[in-house]
Amino acid sequence: MKEQITVKELKEGRYVVIDEEPCIIKSISKSKPGKHGSAKARIDAIGIFDGQKRSIVSSVSSKIYTPVVERKSAQVLSFDGSVAQLMDMDDYSTFELPVPEEYKDKVNEGEEITYITAMGNQKIEMRT
């Protein structure tokens, strides 16, 4: 799911859709309106799920999509070293997600973890 807002409403740390990929905004630079047009904004962002850097230049009055990003908790049912089988704590559905290298020593069976979901994709995210 995604929603539309104007570019001038965006802030660093929020989410935006660039090239049909949900991204987190790292920096925004806005130029002043000039003699030949309206103010422009350059948005630099990093993809949530693929980690790629993306940037876009747009008029501050134009509309842009923002993804609906949800943080949910799940219980680890099993963990084989690279993939964890998880059970959502709200609807009790089970699914598997790959575990990033930096979290492999922190994932244990029976514990609760946080994962994010946006635009049909899911990823394990642990805040330390």
N, C-alpha and C. Protein backbone atom coordinates (compact mmCIF):
# COMPACT_ATOMS: atom_id res chain seq x y z
N MET A 1 0.82 -1.18 0.00
CA MET A 1 0.00 0.00 0.00
C MET A 1 0.87 1.25 0.00
N LYS A 2 0.39 2.28 -0.67
CA LYS A 2 1.11 3.54 -0.67
C LYS A 2 0.13 4.70 -0.70
N GLU A 3 0.59 5.84 -0.19
CA GLU A 3 -0.23 7.04 -0.13
C GLU A 3 0.48 8.16 -0.88
N GLN A 4 -0.27 9.18 -1.28
CA GLN A 4 0.31 10.31 -1.98
C GLN A 4 0.39 11.53 -1.08
N ILE A 5 1.55 12.21 -1.09
CA ILE A 5 1.70 13.49 -0.38
C ILE A 5 2.55 14.41 -1.26
N THR A 6 2.61 15.68 -0.91
CA THR A 6 3.45 16.60 -1.69
C THR A 6 4.90 16.50 -1.22
N VAL A 7 5.82 16.83 -2.11
CA VAL A 7 7.25 16.72 -1.81
C VAL A 7 7.64 17.62 -0.65
N LYS A 8 7.02 18.79 -0.51
CA LYS A 8 7.41 19.71 0.57
C LYS A 8 7.08 19.17 1.96
N GLU A 9 6.22 18.15 2.06
CA GLU A 9 5.87 17.55 3.35
C GLU A 9 6.88 16.50 3.81
N LEU A 10 7.78 16.07 2.94
CA LEU A 10 8.74 15.01 3.27
C LEU A 10 9.81 15.52 4.23
N LYS A 11 10.31 14.61 5.09
CA LYS A 11 11.36 14.94 6.04
C LYS A 11 12.36 13.78 6.07
N GLU A 12 13.56 14.07 6.54
CA GLU A 12 14.57 13.03 6.68
C GLU A 12 14.10 11.99 7.69
N GLY A 13 14.37 10.71 7.39
CA GLY A 13 13.95 9.63 8.26
C GLY A 13 12.60 9.05 7.90
N ARG A 14 11.84 9.75 7.07
CA ARG A 14 10.55 9.23 6.60
C ARG A 14 10.77 8.34 5.39
N TYR A 15 9.70 7.78 4.88
CA TYR A 15 9.78 6.85 3.76
C TYR A 15 9.19 7.45 2.50
N VAL A 16 9.72 7.02 1.34
CA VAL A 16 9.25 7.48 0.04
C VAL A 16 9.40 6.33 -0.96
N VAL A 17 8.59 6.32 -2.00
CA VAL A 17 8.69 5.29 -3.04
C VAL A 17 9.46 5.89 -4.21
N ILE A 18 10.61 5.29 -4.54
CA ILE A 18 11.40 5.69 -5.71
C ILE A 18 11.61 4.44 -6.55
N ASP A 19 11.26 4.51 -7.82
CA ASP A 19 11.37 3.36 -8.75
C ASP A 19 10.61 2.15 -8.21
N GLU A 20 9.42 2.36 -7.68
CA GLU A 20 8.56 1.30 -7.14
C GLU A 20 9.23 0.52 -6.01
N GLU A 21 10.16 1.15 -5.30
CA GLU A 21 10.84 0.52 -4.17
C GLU A 21 10.73 1.43 -2.95
N PRO A 22 10.26 0.92 -1.80
CA PRO A 22 10.19 1.76 -0.61
C PRO A 22 11.60 2.09 -0.11
N CYS A 23 11.84 3.37 0.18
CA CYS A 23 13.16 3.85 0.59
C CYS A 23 13.01 4.74 1.82
N ILE A 24 14.09 4.81 2.60
CA ILE A 24 14.13 5.73 3.73
C ILE A 24 14.94 6.95 3.30
N ILE A 25 14.43 8.13 3.61
CA ILE A 25 15.05 9.38 3.17
C ILE A 25 16.26 9.68 4.05
N LYS A 26 17.42 9.88 3.42
CA LYS A 26 18.65 10.23 4.14
C LYS A 26 18.92 11.72 4.11
N SER A 27 18.60 12.39 2.98
CA SER A 27 18.80 13.84 2.92
C SER A 27 17.86 14.47 1.91
N ILE A 28 17.48 15.69 2.20
CA ILE A 28 16.64 16.48 1.30
C ILE A 28 17.28 17.86 1.18
N SER A 29 17.50 18.30 -0.05
CA SER A 29 17.98 19.67 -0.26
C SER A 29 17.00 20.38 -1.18
N LYS A 30 16.58 21.56 -0.74
CA LYS A 30 15.58 22.32 -1.50
C LYS A 30 16.23 23.59 -2.03
N SER A 31 15.92 23.91 -3.30
CA SER A 31 16.41 25.16 -3.88
C SER A 31 15.29 26.19 -3.85
N LYS A 32 15.68 27.44 -3.90
CA LYS A 32 14.68 28.52 -3.87
C LYS A 32 14.05 28.68 -5.24
N PRO A 33 12.81 29.16 -5.28
CA PRO A 33 12.19 29.41 -6.58
C PRO A 33 12.95 30.51 -7.31
N GLY A 34 13.09 30.33 -8.60
CA GLY A 34 13.84 31.30 -9.38
C GLY A 34 12.97 31.99 -10.40
N LYS A 35 13.65 32.67 -11.29
CA LYS A 35 12.98 33.42 -12.34
C LYS A 35 12.27 32.49 -13.32
N HIS A 36 12.81 31.29 -13.48
CA HIS A 36 12.29 30.36 -14.49
C HIS A 36 11.70 29.10 -13.89
N GLY A 37 10.96 29.19 -12.83
CA GLY A 37 10.31 27.99 -12.33
C GLY A 37 10.18 27.95 -10.83
N SER A 38 9.54 26.91 -10.40
CA SER A 38 9.28 26.75 -8.97
C SER A 38 10.48 26.14 -8.25
N ALA A 39 10.38 26.06 -6.94
CA ALA A 39 11.44 25.47 -6.13
C ALA A 39 11.52 23.97 -6.42
N LYS A 40 12.74 23.45 -6.36
CA LYS A 40 12.98 22.03 -6.60
C LYS A 40 13.54 21.40 -5.33
N ALA A 41 13.35 20.09 -5.22
CA ALA A 41 13.90 19.35 -4.08
C ALA A 41 14.65 18.14 -4.60
N ARG A 42 15.83 17.90 -4.05
CA ARG A 42 16.59 16.69 -4.37
C ARG A 42 16.51 15.78 -3.16
N ILE A 43 16.01 14.57 -3.38
CA ILE A 43 15.83 13.61 -2.30
C ILE A 43 16.80 12.45 -2.50
N ASP A 44 17.66 12.21 -1.52
CA ASP A 44 18.56 11.06 -1.53
C ASP A 44 18.03 10.06 -0.52
N ALA A 45 17.89 8.80 -0.98
CA ALA A 45 17.28 7.77 -0.13
C ALA A 45 17.98 6.44 -0.35
N ILE A 46 17.75 5.52 0.57
CA ILE A 46 18.30 4.16 0.49
C ILE A 46 17.14 3.18 0.57
N GLY A 47 17.13 2.19 -0.32
CA GLY A 47 16.07 1.18 -0.35
C GLY A 47 16.02 0.39 0.94
N ILE A 48 14.82 0.18 1.45
CA ILE A 48 14.66 -0.57 2.70
C ILE A 48 15.06 -2.03 2.52
N PHE A 49 14.63 -2.63 1.42
CA PHE A 49 14.81 -4.06 1.24
C PHE A 49 16.04 -4.44 0.42
N ASP A 50 16.52 -3.55 -0.47
CA ASP A 50 17.68 -3.89 -1.29
C ASP A 50 18.94 -3.09 -0.95
N GLY A 51 18.82 -2.03 -0.15
CA GLY A 51 19.98 -1.26 0.29
C GLY A 51 20.60 -0.37 -0.78
N GLN A 52 19.98 -0.22 -1.93
CA GLN A 52 20.53 0.60 -3.01
C GLN A 52 20.25 2.08 -2.77
N LYS A 53 21.23 2.92 -3.14
CA LYS A 53 21.03 4.37 -3.05
C LYS A 53 20.24 4.83 -4.25
N ARG A 54 19.27 5.69 -4.01
CA ARG A 54 18.46 6.26 -5.07
C ARG A 54 18.29 7.74 -4.80
N SER A 55 18.14 8.51 -5.88
CA SER A 55 17.85 9.93 -5.71
C SER A 55 16.85 10.36 -6.76
N ILE A 56 16.13 11.43 -6.44
CA ILE A 56 15.11 11.96 -7.32
C ILE A 56 15.09 13.47 -7.16
N VAL A 57 14.88 14.18 -8.27
CA VAL A 57 14.72 15.63 -8.24
C VAL A 57 13.32 15.94 -8.71
N SER A 58 12.60 16.73 -7.92
CA SER A 58 11.20 17.01 -8.23
C SER A 58 10.82 18.40 -7.73
N SER A 59 9.78 18.94 -8.29
CA SER A 59 9.23 20.21 -7.82
C SER A 59 8.63 20.00 -6.43
N VAL A 60 8.77 20.98 -5.55
CA VAL A 60 8.26 20.81 -4.19
C VAL A 60 6.73 20.76 -4.14
N SER A 61 6.08 21.24 -5.18
CA SER A 61 4.61 21.22 -5.20
C SER A 61 4.05 19.95 -5.83
N SER A 62 4.91 19.11 -6.42
CA SER A 62 4.41 17.88 -7.04
C SER A 62 4.11 16.83 -5.98
N LYS A 63 3.34 15.84 -6.38
CA LYS A 63 2.96 14.77 -5.45
C LYS A 63 3.88 13.57 -5.65
N ILE A 64 4.10 12.84 -4.56
CA ILE A 64 4.96 11.66 -4.58
C ILE A 64 4.34 10.61 -3.66
N TYR A 65 4.63 9.36 -3.92
CA TYR A 65 4.07 8.27 -3.11
C TYR A 65 4.95 7.99 -1.89
N THR A 66 4.30 7.70 -0.78
CA THR A 66 5.00 7.22 0.41
C THR A 66 4.43 5.85 0.76
N PRO A 67 5.28 4.88 1.08
CA PRO A 67 4.78 3.55 1.41
C PRO A 67 4.21 3.50 2.82
N VAL A 68 3.29 2.59 3.04
CA VAL A 68 2.78 2.35 4.39
C VAL A 68 3.69 1.27 4.99
N VAL A 69 4.57 1.68 5.89
CA VAL A 69 5.54 0.78 6.51
C VAL A 69 5.04 0.42 7.90
N GLU A 70 4.90 -0.88 8.14
CA GLU A 70 4.42 -1.35 9.45
C GLU A 70 5.51 -2.14 10.15
N ARG A 71 5.66 -1.88 11.44
CA ARG A 71 6.56 -2.68 12.28
C ARG A 71 5.69 -3.65 13.06
N LYS A 72 6.03 -4.93 12.96
CA LYS A 72 5.26 -5.96 13.64
C LYS A 72 6.21 -6.85 14.44
N SER A 73 5.65 -7.57 15.38
CA SER A 73 6.47 -8.50 16.15
C SER A 73 6.07 -9.93 15.81
N ALA A 74 7.06 -10.80 15.87
CA ALA A 74 6.85 -12.21 15.56
C ALA A 74 7.71 -13.05 16.50
N GLN A 75 7.29 -14.28 16.70
CA GLN A 75 8.04 -15.22 17.52
C GLN A 75 8.81 -16.15 16.60
N VAL A 76 10.07 -16.42 16.94
CA VAL A 76 10.90 -17.32 16.15
C VAL A 76 10.52 -18.75 16.51
N LEU A 77 9.99 -19.49 15.52
CA LEU A 77 9.63 -20.89 15.74
C LEU A 77 10.83 -21.80 15.54
N SER A 78 11.59 -21.56 14.47
CA SER A 78 12.81 -22.33 14.23
C SER A 78 13.80 -21.45 13.48
N PHE A 79 15.08 -21.78 13.66
CA PHE A 79 16.16 -21.01 13.03
C PHE A 79 17.25 -21.97 12.62
N ASP A 80 17.58 -21.99 11.31
CA ASP A 80 18.58 -22.94 10.82
C ASP A 80 19.91 -22.29 10.46
N GLY A 81 20.14 -21.07 10.88
CA GLY A 81 21.40 -20.41 10.60
C GLY A 81 21.30 -19.31 9.57
N SER A 82 20.38 -19.44 8.61
CA SER A 82 20.24 -18.39 7.60
C SER A 82 18.79 -17.98 7.39
N VAL A 83 17.85 -18.88 7.69
CA VAL A 83 16.43 -18.60 7.51
C VAL A 83 15.70 -18.88 8.82
N ALA A 84 14.82 -17.96 9.20
CA ALA A 84 14.03 -18.14 10.42
C ALA A 84 12.57 -18.35 10.05
N GLN A 85 11.94 -19.32 10.70
CA GLN A 85 10.50 -19.50 10.55
C GLN A 85 9.84 -18.71 11.67
N LEU A 86 8.94 -17.80 11.29
CA LEU A 86 8.36 -16.87 12.25
C LEU A 86 6.85 -17.02 12.32
N MET A 87 6.28 -16.66 13.48
CA MET A 87 4.83 -16.61 13.64
C MET A 87 4.46 -15.20 14.07
N ASP A 88 3.61 -14.56 13.28
CA ASP A 88 3.14 -13.21 13.59
C ASP A 88 2.36 -13.24 14.89
N MET A 89 2.60 -12.27 15.77
CA MET A 89 1.95 -12.25 17.07
C MET A 89 0.53 -11.70 17.03
N ASP A 90 0.13 -11.08 15.92
CA ASP A 90 -1.23 -10.54 15.80
C ASP A 90 -2.19 -11.55 15.20
N ASP A 91 -1.83 -12.10 14.03
CA ASP A 91 -2.77 -13.01 13.35
C ASP A 91 -2.31 -14.47 13.37
N TYR A 92 -1.19 -14.76 14.01
CA TYR A 92 -0.66 -16.12 14.18
C TYR A 92 -0.36 -16.83 12.86
N SER A 93 -0.11 -16.09 11.80
CA SER A 93 0.30 -16.70 10.54
C SER A 93 1.80 -17.01 10.61
N THR A 94 2.22 -18.06 9.92
CA THR A 94 3.63 -18.43 9.91
C THR A 94 4.23 -18.15 8.53
N PHE A 95 5.50 -17.76 8.53
CA PHE A 95 6.22 -17.46 7.30
C PHE A 95 7.71 -17.55 7.57
N GLU A 96 8.50 -17.58 6.50
CA GLU A 96 9.94 -17.65 6.63
C GLU A 96 10.58 -16.39 6.08
N LEU A 97 11.63 -15.92 6.75
CA LEU A 97 12.38 -14.76 6.29
C LEU A 97 13.87 -15.04 6.43
N PRO A 98 14.68 -14.56 5.48
CA PRO A 98 16.14 -14.69 5.65
C PRO A 98 16.61 -13.77 6.77
N VAL A 99 17.61 -14.23 7.50
CA VAL A 99 18.14 -13.45 8.62
C VAL A 99 19.43 -12.77 8.15
N PRO A 100 19.51 -11.43 8.25
CA PRO A 100 20.74 -10.73 7.86
C PRO A 100 21.93 -11.17 8.72
N GLU A 101 23.14 -11.09 8.15
CA GLU A 101 24.36 -11.53 8.84
C GLU A 101 24.52 -10.90 10.22
N GLU A 102 24.24 -9.60 10.32
CA GLU A 102 24.49 -8.90 11.59
C GLU A 102 23.54 -9.32 12.71
N TYR A 103 22.44 -10.02 12.38
CA TYR A 103 21.48 -10.43 13.40
C TYR A 103 21.54 -11.92 13.71
N LYS A 104 22.39 -12.69 13.04
CA LYS A 104 22.38 -14.15 13.20
C LYS A 104 22.69 -14.60 14.62
N ASP A 105 23.55 -13.87 15.33
CA ASP A 105 23.87 -14.28 16.70
C ASP A 105 22.83 -13.81 17.71
N LYS A 106 21.89 -12.96 17.29
CA LYS A 106 20.86 -12.44 18.19
C LYS A 106 19.53 -13.16 18.06
N VAL A 107 19.37 -14.01 17.04
CA VAL A 107 18.10 -14.70 16.81
C VAL A 107 18.15 -16.06 17.50
N ASN A 108 17.20 -16.30 18.40
CA ASN A 108 17.09 -17.57 19.11
C ASN A 108 15.65 -18.05 19.05
N GLU A 109 15.48 -19.37 19.04
CA GLU A 109 14.13 -19.94 19.00
C GLU A 109 13.36 -19.56 20.25
N GLY A 110 12.08 -19.23 20.08
CA GLY A 110 11.22 -18.87 21.18
C GLY A 110 11.20 -17.39 21.52
N GLU A 111 12.14 -16.63 20.99
CA GLU A 111 12.19 -15.20 21.28
C GLU A 111 11.33 -14.41 20.31
N GLU A 112 10.98 -13.18 20.72
CA GLU A 112 10.24 -12.29 19.83
C GLU A 112 11.21 -11.36 19.12
N ILE A 113 10.94 -11.12 17.84
CA ILE A 113 11.74 -10.19 17.06
C ILE A 113 10.80 -9.21 16.36
N THR A 114 11.38 -8.15 15.82
CA THR A 114 10.61 -7.15 15.08
C THR A 114 10.91 -7.31 13.60
N TYR A 115 9.87 -7.21 12.79
CA TYR A 115 10.08 -7.20 11.35
C TYR A 115 9.24 -6.09 10.75
N ILE A 116 9.68 -5.62 9.58
CA ILE A 116 8.94 -4.55 8.90
C ILE A 116 8.33 -5.10 7.62
N THR A 117 7.20 -4.54 7.26
CA THR A 117 6.52 -4.93 6.03
C THR A 117 6.07 -3.67 5.30
N ALA A 118 6.29 -3.67 3.98
CA ALA A 118 5.90 -2.54 3.14
C ALA A 118 5.76 -3.01 1.71
N MET A 119 4.67 -2.67 1.07
CA MET A 119 4.42 -2.95 -0.34
C MET A 119 4.64 -4.43 -0.68
N GLY A 120 4.20 -5.32 0.20
CA GLY A 120 4.27 -6.75 -0.07
C GLY A 120 5.59 -7.41 0.28
N ASN A 121 6.57 -6.67 0.77
CA ASN A 121 7.86 -7.22 1.16
C ASN A 121 8.00 -7.21 2.68
N GLN A 122 8.84 -8.13 3.18
CA GLN A 122 9.08 -8.21 4.61
C GLN A 122 10.58 -8.33 4.86
N LYS A 123 11.02 -7.84 6.03
CA LYS A 123 12.43 -7.90 6.39
C LYS A 123 12.56 -7.87 7.90
N ILE A 124 13.49 -8.66 8.44
CA ILE A 124 13.77 -8.65 9.87
C ILE A 124 14.56 -7.39 10.19
N GLU A 125 14.13 -6.67 11.23
CA GLU A 125 14.83 -5.46 11.66
C GLU A 125 14.86 -5.45 13.17
N MET A 126 16.05 -5.42 13.72
CA MET A 126 16.20 -5.36 15.18
C MET A 126 16.83 -4.04 15.55
N ARG A 127 16.23 -3.35 16.48
CA ARG A 127 16.80 -2.09 16.96
C ARG A 127 17.61 -2.37 18.20
N THR A 128 18.81 -1.83 18.23
CA THR A 128 19.67 -2.03 19.40
C THR A 128 19.96 -0.73 20.10
